[in-house]
Protein backbone atom coordinates (compact mmCIF):
# COMPACT_ATOMS: atom_id res chain seq x y z
CA UNK A 1 -8.72 11.21 12.58
CA UNK A 2 -11.64 9.92 11.14
CA UNK A 3 -12.29 10.22 7.23
CA UNK A 4 -15.52 8.29 5.39
CA UNK A 5 -16.27 7.72 2.13
CA UNK A 6 -18.92 6.29 0.08
CA UNK A 7 -16.43 5.98 -3.19
CA UNK A 8 -13.32 5.25 -1.62
CA UNK A 9 -12.20 8.30 -3.40
CA UNK A 10 -14.40 11.55 -2.04
CA UNK A 11 -13.48 11.49 1.72
CA UNK A 12 -15.75 13.82 4.85
CA UNK A 13 -13.80 14.73 7.70
CA UNK A 14 -15.82 13.11 10.41
CA UNK A 15 -14.50 14.20 14.33
CA UNK A 16 -11.52 12.82 15.88
CA UNK A 17 -12.17 9.24 16.55
CA UNK A 18 -9.50 8.65 19.83
CA UNK A 19 -7.73 11.03 21.62
CA UNK A 20 -4.57 10.33 24.02
CA UNK A 21 -5.85 11.12 26.99
CA UNK A 22 -5.02 7.97 29.18
CA UNK A 23 -1.92 6.88 30.82
CA UNK A 24 -1.49 3.92 28.03
CA UNK A 25 -1.63 6.08 25.06
CA UNK A 26 -0.51 9.65 26.30
CA UNK A 27 2.44 9.43 24.00
CA UNK A 28 0.64 8.09 20.89
CA UNK A 29 -2.75 6.96 19.22
CA UNK A 30 -1.36 3.89 16.88
CA UNK A 31 -4.03 2.88 13.53
CA UNK A 32 -5.04 -0.40 14.44
CA UNK A 33 -7.85 -2.42 12.26
CA UNK A 34 -11.27 -2.17 12.60
CA UNK A 35 -13.93 -4.74 12.24
CA UNK A 36 -17.25 -5.18 13.76
CA UNK A 37 -18.41 -7.07 16.68
CA UNK A 38 -21.11 -9.60 17.70
CA UNK A 39 -23.23 -6.96 17.57
CA UNK A 40 -22.09 -5.10 14.92
CA UNK A 41 -21.21 -2.60 17.20
CA UNK A 42 -17.90 -1.11 14.87
CA UNK A 43 -14.94 -1.93 16.65
CA UNK A 44 -10.89 -1.43 16.80
CA UNK A 45 -7.13 -2.39 18.15
CA UNK A 46 -5.34 0.03 18.00
CA UNK A 47 -1.86 0.89 19.86
CA UNK A 48 -1.35 2.74 22.55
CA UNK A 49 2.23 4.59 23.49
CA UNK A 50 2.57 5.10 26.71
CA UNK A 51 5.60 6.34 27.64
CA UNK A 52 8.28 6.05 24.02
CA UNK A 53 7.82 3.19 21.92
CA UNK A 54 9.11 0.38 24.10
CA UNK A 55 6.07 0.79 25.91
CA UNK A 56 2.74 -0.67 23.95
CA UNK A 57 -0.28 -1.09 24.74
CA UNK A 58 -3.50 -3.13 23.13
CA UNK A 59 -6.36 -0.75 23.31
CA UNK A 60 -9.95 -1.79 22.32
CA UNK A 61 -12.65 0.86 21.15
CA UNK A 62 -16.27 0.36 20.27
CA UNK A 63 -18.96 3.06 19.01
CA UNK A 64 -22.66 2.22 19.18
CA UNK A 65 -23.33 5.50 17.13
CA UNK A 66 -22.36 4.39 14.17
CA UNK A 67 -18.77 6.22 14.80
CA UNK A 68 -19.15 9.42 16.10
CA UNK A 69 -18.41 8.60 19.20
CA UNK A 70 -15.72 5.63 20.49
CA UNK A 71 -15.14 4.35 23.91
CA UNK A 72 -11.97 2.46 25.23
CA UNK A 73 -10.76 0.15 26.88
CA UNK A 74 -7.18 -1.10 27.48
CA UNK A 75 -7.02 -5.01 27.15
CA UNK A 76 -3.26 -5.75 26.38
CA UNK A 77 -0.19 -4.64 28.59
CA UNK A 78 2.74 -3.61 27.98
CA UNK A 79 4.13 -6.75 30.09
CA UNK A 80 2.24 -9.18 28.40
CA UNK A 81 5.06 -8.73 25.41
CA UNK A 82 6.13 -11.35 24.31
CA UNK A 83 9.59 -11.26 24.55
CA UNK A 84 11.57 -8.28 25.17
CA UNK A 85 12.12 -8.13 21.42
CA UNK A 86 8.86 -7.88 20.56
CA UNK A 87 5.76 -5.36 21.31
CA UNK A 88 2.28 -6.59 23.08
CA UNK A 89 0.74 -4.38 20.71
CA UNK A 90 1.63 -2.93 17.18
CA UNK A 91 -1.47 -2.00 14.66
CA UNK A 92 -2.25 -5.62 15.21
CA UNK A 93 -4.71 -7.54 12.40
CA UNK A 94 -7.69 -8.57 13.73
CA UNK A 95 -10.07 -11.72 12.54
CA UNK A 96 -12.34 -14.39 13.93
CA UNK A 97 -12.29 -18.68 13.42
CA UNK A 98 -15.86 -19.58 14.90
CA UNK A 99 -16.28 -18.19 18.14
CA UNK A 100 -12.52 -17.16 18.47
CA UNK A 101 -11.19 -13.76 17.52
CA UNK A 102 -7.59 -13.88 16.12
CA UNK A 103 -4.47 -10.93 16.54
CA UNK A 104 -1.60 -11.07 14.32
CA UNK A 105 1.30 -8.97 15.83
CA UNK A 106 5.27 -8.24 14.06
CA UNK A 107 7.85 -8.17 16.23
CA UNK A 108 10.92 -11.14 16.72
CA UNK A 109 11.69 -14.06 17.85
CA UNK A 110 13.65 -14.17 21.36
CA UNK A 111 16.90 -12.38 20.70
CA UNK A 112 16.12 -10.85 18.08
CA UNK A 113 17.62 -12.89 15.34
CA UNK A 114 14.67 -13.18 13.24
CA UNK A 115 11.19 -11.65 12.28
CA UNK A 116 8.14 -13.14 13.49
CA UNK A 117 4.24 -13.06 13.81
CA UNK A 118 3.17 -13.69 16.99
CA UNK A 119 -0.54 -15.08 17.15
CA UNK A 120 -3.18 -14.13 20.19
CA UNK A 121 -6.83 -15.22 20.27
CA UNK A 122 -9.55 -14.08 22.93
CA UNK A 123 -13.07 -15.26 23.07
CA UNK A 124 -14.17 -11.68 24.05
CA UNK A 125 -11.91 -9.19 22.70
CA UNK A 126 -10.89 -8.55 26.35
CA UNK A 127 -9.10 -11.16 27.18
CA UNK A 128 -5.93 -12.29 25.40
CA UNK A 129 -3.75 -15.09 25.04
CA UNK A 130 0.22 -15.40 23.14
CA UNK A 131 -0.18 -18.48 21.10
CA UNK A 132 2.57 -18.88 18.70
CA UNK A 133 4.52 -17.10 15.62
CA UNK A 134 3.14 -18.49 12.90
CA UNK A 135 5.92 -18.36 10.05
CA UNK A 136 8.36 -20.07 11.71
CA UNK A 137 10.27 -21.67 8.91
CA UNK A 138 10.62 -17.83 6.56
CA UNK A 139 13.88 -16.58 7.73
CA UNK A 140 14.45 -12.46 6.77
CA UNK A 141 14.46 -9.58 8.21
CA UNK A 142 15.00 -9.58 12.63
CA UNK A 143 11.59 -7.96 12.94
CA UNK A 144 8.47 -7.65 11.35
CA UNK A 145 5.92 -4.53 11.86
CA UNK A 146 2.45 -4.60 10.42
CA UNK A 147 1.44 -8.64 9.52
CA UNK A 148 -1.11 -9.77 8.07
CA UNK A 149 -2.92 -12.92 7.24
CA UNK A 150 -4.84 -13.53 4.23
CA UNK A 151 -7.27 -15.42 2.52
CA UNK A 152 -7.16 -14.63 -1.34
CA UNK A 153 -7.68 -17.02 -4.53
CA UNK A 154 -8.41 -20.02 -2.34
CA UNK A 155 -4.98 -19.72 -1.13
CA UNK A 156 -3.73 -18.60 2.12
CA UNK A 157 -1.17 -14.79 1.71
CA UNK A 158 1.16 -13.54 4.58
CA UNK A 159 2.12 -9.86 4.01
CA UNK A 160 4.25 -7.72 5.90
CA UNK A 161 3.61 -3.98 5.90
CA UNK A 162 7.12 -2.67 6.35
CA UNK A 163 8.85 -3.66 3.84
CA UNK A 164 6.42 -5.32 1.62
CA UNK A 165 7.46 -8.23 1.08
CA UNK A 166 4.92 -11.37 0.73
CA UNK A 167 3.81 -15.03 0.71
CA UNK A 168 1.45 -17.43 -1.01
CA UNK A 169 0.87 -20.40 1.10
CA UNK A 170 -1.39 -22.48 2.84
CA UNK A 171 -2.34 -21.81 7.25
CA UNK A 172 -3.05 -24.93 9.44
CA UNK A 173 -5.76 -23.03 11.84
CA UNK A 174 -4.81 -26.76 14.22
CA UNK A 175 -1.22 -26.43 14.65
CA UNK A 176 -1.61 -22.38 14.01
CA UNK A 177 1.48 -22.24 11.35
CA UNK A 178 1.02 -20.85 7.95
CA UNK A 179 3.27 -22.47 5.36
CA UNK A 180 4.74 -20.81 2.11
CA UNK A 181 5.07 -22.43 -1.55
CA UNK A 182 8.24 -20.48 -2.22
CA UNK A 183 10.55 -19.24 0.51
CA UNK A 184 12.07 -16.57 -1.52
CA UNK A 185 8.85 -13.46 -1.19
CA UNK A 186 7.58 -11.70 -3.50
CA UNK A 187 7.29 -7.76 -2.76
CA UNK A 188 3.89 -5.38 -2.62
CA UNK A 189 5.94 -2.46 -4.01
CA UNK A 190 9.44 -1.00 -4.26
CA UNK A 191 9.02 2.75 -3.76
CA UNK A 192 7.01 4.82 -1.30
CA UNK A 193 4.87 2.86 -0.01
CA UNK A 194 4.84 1.57 3.70
CA UNK A 195 1.84 0.00 6.16
CA UNK A 196 -0.35 -1.10 3.53
CA UNK A 197 -3.44 -2.55 5.19
CA UNK A 198 -5.22 -5.39 3.04
CA UNK A 199 -8.10 -5.57 5.44
CA UNK A 200 -11.18 -4.14 3.89
CA UNK A 201 -13.85 -6.52 2.00
CA UNK A 202 -16.64 -5.23 0.25
CA UNK A 203 -19.54 -6.79 -2.65
CA UNK A 204 -18.63 -4.35 -5.27
CA UNK A 205 -16.36 -6.38 -7.65
CA UNK A 206 -18.30 -7.46 -11.24
CA UNK A 207 -21.53 -9.20 -10.62
CA UNK A 208 -21.69 -7.91 -6.69
CA UNK A 209 -18.49 -10.25 -5.89
CA UNK A 210 -16.42 -9.93 -2.97
CA UNK A 211 -13.10 -8.27 -3.88
CA UNK A 212 -10.74 -7.37 -1.31
CA UNK A 213 -8.82 -3.55 -1.09
CA UNK A 214 -5.10 -3.05 0.07
CA UNK A 215 -4.87 0.76 1.75
CA UNK A 216 -1.57 2.26 2.19
CA UNK A 217 0.62 5.38 3.35
CA UNK A 218 2.68 7.24 0.52
CA UNK A 219 6.29 7.81 1.97
CA UNK A 220 8.96 9.97 1.44
CA UNK A 221 11.63 12.12 2.95
CA UNK A 222 10.92 15.83 3.73
CA UNK A 223 10.52 17.84 0.98
CA UNK A 224 13.27 20.60 -0.38
CA UNK A 225 10.95 23.42 -0.12
CA UNK A 226 10.37 25.13 3.43
CA UNK A 227 7.12 25.76 1.74
CA UNK A 228 5.90 22.13 2.38
CA UNK A 229 5.78 20.38 6.01
CA UNK A 230 8.60 17.77 7.01
CA UNK A 231 5.00 15.08 7.74
CA UNK A 232 3.90 15.29 4.28
CA UNK A 233 2.55 11.70 3.77
CA UNK A 234 -0.49 10.49 2.19
CA UNK A 235 -2.66 7.53 0.96
CA UNK A 236 -1.72 5.95 -1.88
CA UNK A 237 -5.16 5.43 -4.78
CA UNK A 238 -6.75 1.87 -3.25
CA UNK A 239 -6.30 -1.18 -4.77
CA UNK A 240 -8.24 -4.28 -6.00
CA UNK A 241 -6.29 -7.56 -4.94
CA UNK A 242 -6.70 -10.88 -6.96
CA UNK A 243 -4.71 -14.02 -7.03
CA UNK A 244 -2.70 -15.19 -10.42
CA UNK A 245 -0.49 -18.25 -10.03
CA UNK A 246 1.95 -17.71 -7.97
CA UNK A 247 1.85 -13.88 -7.53
CA UNK A 248 -1.06 -10.92 -6.19
CA UNK A 249 -2.31 -8.91 -8.90
CA UNK A 250 -3.04 -5.26 -7.82
CA UNK A 251 -4.84 -2.87 -9.82
CA UNK A 252 -6.27 0.98 -8.54
CA UNK A 253 -9.93 0.70 -7.82
CA UNK A 254 -12.21 1.60 -10.63
CA UNK A 255 -13.92 4.05 -8.97
CA UNK A 256 -11.22 6.54 -9.54
CA UNK A 257 -12.72 7.63 -12.68
CA UNK A 258 -14.81 9.15 -11.43
CA UNK A 259 -12.15 11.88 -11.18
CA UNK A 260 -11.13 11.22 -14.89
CA UNK A 261 -11.35 15.81 -16.10
CA UNK A 262 -10.37 16.40 -19.92
CA UNK A 263 -9.52 13.66 -22.38
CA UNK A 264 -6.33 13.65 -25.12
CA UNK A 265 -6.26 10.39 -26.98
CA UNK A 266 -3.17 10.17 -30.15
CA UNK A 267 -4.71 7.52 -32.96
CA UNK A 268 -1.19 9.16 -34.75
CA UNK A 269 1.91 8.42 -33.17
CA UNK A 270 4.65 9.29 -35.20
CA UNK A 271 3.79 13.59 -34.44
CA UNK A 272 6.21 15.27 -33.91
CA UNK A 273 5.83 17.30 -29.57
CA UNK A 274 3.21 14.98 -29.42
CA UNK A 275 2.21 15.84 -26.03
CA UNK A 276 3.43 19.64 -26.04
CA UNK A 277 0.10 21.32 -25.38
CA UNK A 278 -0.97 18.88 -21.98
CA UNK A 279 1.03 20.59 -19.19
CA UNK A 280 -0.59 19.20 -15.56
CA UNK A 281 0.62 17.80 -12.37
CA UNK A 282 -2.00 15.56 -11.89
CA UNK A 283 -2.65 13.06 -14.55
CA UNK A 284 -4.00 9.33 -15.39
CA UNK A 285 -2.01 7.94 -18.13
CA UNK A 286 -2.15 4.99 -20.11
CA UNK A 287 0.68 3.99 -22.92
CA UNK A 288 1.40 0.72 -24.23
CA UNK A 289 4.83 0.48 -26.05
CA UNK A 290 6.17 -2.36 -28.78
CA UNK A 291 9.67 -3.00 -26.87
CA UNK A 292 11.71 -3.04 -30.15
CA UNK A 293 15.91 -2.81 -29.86
CA UNK A 294 15.30 -0.79 -27.28
CA UNK A 295 17.17 -1.04 -23.81
CA UNK A 296 14.27 1.11 -21.75
CA UNK A 297 11.43 3.69 -22.47
CA UNK A 298 8.58 4.98 -21.03
CA UNK A 299 7.37 8.73 -20.21
CA UNK A 300 9.07 11.99 -18.50
CA UNK A 301 6.81 13.72 -15.94
CA UNK A 302 6.83 16.96 -14.51
CA UNK A 303 9.45 18.04 -17.60
CA UNK A 304 11.02 21.60 -16.80
CA UNK A 305 10.50 24.63 -19.40
CA UNK A 306 14.00 24.30 -20.38
CA UNK A 307 13.58 20.35 -20.80
CA UNK A 308 16.72 19.86 -18.45
CA UNK A 309 14.84 18.36 -15.09
CA UNK A 310 12.24 15.87 -15.24
CA UNK A 311 11.42 12.00 -13.68
CA UNK A 312 11.70 9.51 -15.89
CA UNK A 313 8.76 6.67 -15.81
CA UNK A 314 10.91 3.41 -17.49
CA UNK A 315 10.74 0.24 -18.22
CA UNK A 316 13.92 -1.69 -18.55
CA UNK A 317 14.08 -4.39 -21.10
CA UNK A 318 16.45 -6.54 -19.89
CA UNK A 319 15.48 -7.26 -16.61
CA UNK A 320 12.11 -6.16 -17.51
CA UNK A 321 11.88 -4.52 -14.07
CA UNK A 322 9.70 -0.99 -13.98
CA UNK A 323 10.73 2.20 -12.08
CA UNK A 324 11.00 5.69 -11.83
CA UNK A 325 14.44 7.90 -11.56
CA UNK A 326 15.72 11.25 -12.45
CA UNK A 327 13.75 13.93 -9.52
CA UNK A 328 12.43 11.05 -7.98
CA UNK A 329 13.21 10.13 -5.64
CA UNK A 330 15.57 6.45 -6.11
CA UNK A 331 13.30 3.30 -5.43
CA UNK A 332 14.12 -0.33 -6.14
CA UNK A 333 13.03 -1.82 -9.30
CA UNK A 334 9.48 -3.66 -9.87
CA UNK A 335 8.97 -6.72 -11.29
CA UNK A 336 6.83 -6.67 -14.24
CA UNK A 337 7.14 -10.94 -14.49
CA UNK A 338 6.15 -10.16 -18.51
CA UNK A 339 8.08 -12.34 -21.61
CA UNK A 340 10.65 -10.99 -23.37
CA UNK A 341 9.93 -8.64 -26.66
CA UNK A 342 6.11 -9.34 -24.78
CA UNK A 343 4.15 -5.81 -24.74
CA UNK A 344 4.19 -3.25 -22.40
CA UNK A 345 1.49 -1.19 -21.02
CA UNK A 346 1.95 1.63 -18.26
CA UNK A 347 -0.79 3.11 -16.15
CA UNK A 348 0.26 5.58 -14.70
CA UNK A 349 -1.64 8.51 -12.15
CA UNK A 350 0.95 11.50 -10.80
CA UNK A 351 -0.56 14.07 -7.80
CA UNK A 352 1.45 16.59 -7.84
CA UNK A 353 4.89 14.96 -6.14
CA UNK A 354 3.20 11.41 -6.07
CA UNK A 355 3.37 8.92 -9.14
CA UNK A 356 2.26 5.52 -8.88
CA UNK A 357 2.90 3.16 -11.74
CA UNK A 358 1.11 -0.22 -12.48
CA UNK A 359 2.51 -2.49 -14.86
CA UNK A 360 1.04 -6.03 -15.70
CA UNK A 361 -1.16 -6.35 -12.55
CA UNK A 362 2.27 -5.34 -10.68
CA UNK A 363 2.89 -1.65 -8.94
CA UNK A 364 5.76 0.87 -8.26
CA UNK A 365 5.27 4.26 -6.17
CA UNK A 366 7.82 7.23 -5.97
CA UNK A 367 7.98 10.92 -4.77
CA UNK A 368 9.21 13.61 -6.68
CA UNK A 369 9.75 17.53 -5.77
CA UNK A 370 9.97 19.66 -8.79
CA UNK A 371 9.56 22.91 -9.49
CA UNK A 372 5.84 23.62 -9.37
CA UNK A 373 5.64 25.36 -13.00
CA UNK A 374 7.81 21.76 -14.46
CA UNK A 375 4.66 20.70 -15.87
CA UNK A 376 5.49 19.30 -19.10
CA UNK A 377 5.09 15.29 -20.72
CA UNK A 378 7.74 13.56 -22.65
CA UNK A 379 7.60 9.92 -24.40
CA UNK A 380 11.19 8.66 -25.47
CA UNK A 381 13.51 5.22 -25.66
CA UNK A 382 17.24 5.13 -24.51
CA UNK A 383 19.61 2.38 -26.47
CA UNK A 384 17.26 2.17 -29.52
CA UNK A 385 14.15 2.02 -30.24
CA UNK A 386 10.52 1.52 -29.15
CA UNK A 387 6.96 2.05 -30.51
CA UNK A 388 4.47 4.23 -28.52
CA UNK A 389 1.61 1.76 -29.85
CA UNK A 390 -2.04 3.29 -27.91
CA UNK A 391 -1.67 6.79 -25.45
CA UNK A 392 -4.83 7.77 -24.11
CA UNK A 393 -4.50 10.44 -20.87
CA UNK A 394 -6.51 12.67 -18.55
CA UNK A 395 -5.96 15.48 -16.75
CA UNK A 396 -7.69 14.44 -13.35
CA UNK A 397 -10.31 16.47 -10.96
CA UNK A 398 -9.52 17.03 -7.55
CA UNK A 399 -11.40 14.96 -4.40
CA UNK A 400 -12.96 17.74 -2.58
């Protein structure tokens, strides 16, 4: 598939870019990374599934008409795989160092004992030579999928797009080794957030500064209704990444404000039945809480007409983590890195079955599948009292 956008919010379908029409990709065209070559032509390296996931190929595509048509060439053969536990190609991450192209591909060490990020190099995008695993000191899992090595805020960040861990540290181009500042990883998103890609950089930051943008796939199990196909993933809201000390900050792109519609602001936060008249399954909310002595607090979304079912977006004061439960698919809790008793601002996006929550530059994604008439909202606190200090709500327009 191929879609284009001027603002990362409104998207237009273009003709299919790549079809599975060769012996190297007949079982699947798996998305890779796009980049401009030395001539400025749009290129990509994607994974061709030749005969099941055990037989993959690195496929180079190039367009000389701005992305309308692509020509493909197999450039990495299945026989070149680093070992029996690693594919030769699986959505590789591409960048350039001086006159050399680099590509990072996930896999495992010999025997499948440890996850690995395999570095390949080429001078012409066609002939690739395996170099090494760039993260030999990191011990996490027995297989890594979708590794990325990016520069952010004067540091290097190694990210893995399956499981979502990341490490901040330094990368030595001469030895080709990444050294993390801390051995334990932090998490991009503990929820239904998969196969992220931080490869996009534009110049639309404040004052024309460059900004790095994270895209990802919102996942989830088969929906509980037969009316919805089981293949029901979607793209998450693009996120702007920045570095603050030893962690990454994530915030939704400001362009998403273009979808704001009717606005509700509540100066009288002591009023009962505060949200009774707001019924919607597409909302943006910003709520600031003073924790008080509450054990947890937050907002209930997609509340049923009888109030018995809902999805709860909540903050746990003891662990200072946040997440979603109720009718939401249960996920891990995301650390907020807030101090005890510090005010908590939840920035929430609800899009039918998708919930994205931002707290203090950290993010959590959840899925929920309520009845279509469950459109209510409620503010809550449990185990004590929390004060709602500010609340703004926008109904959201469609991107179409």
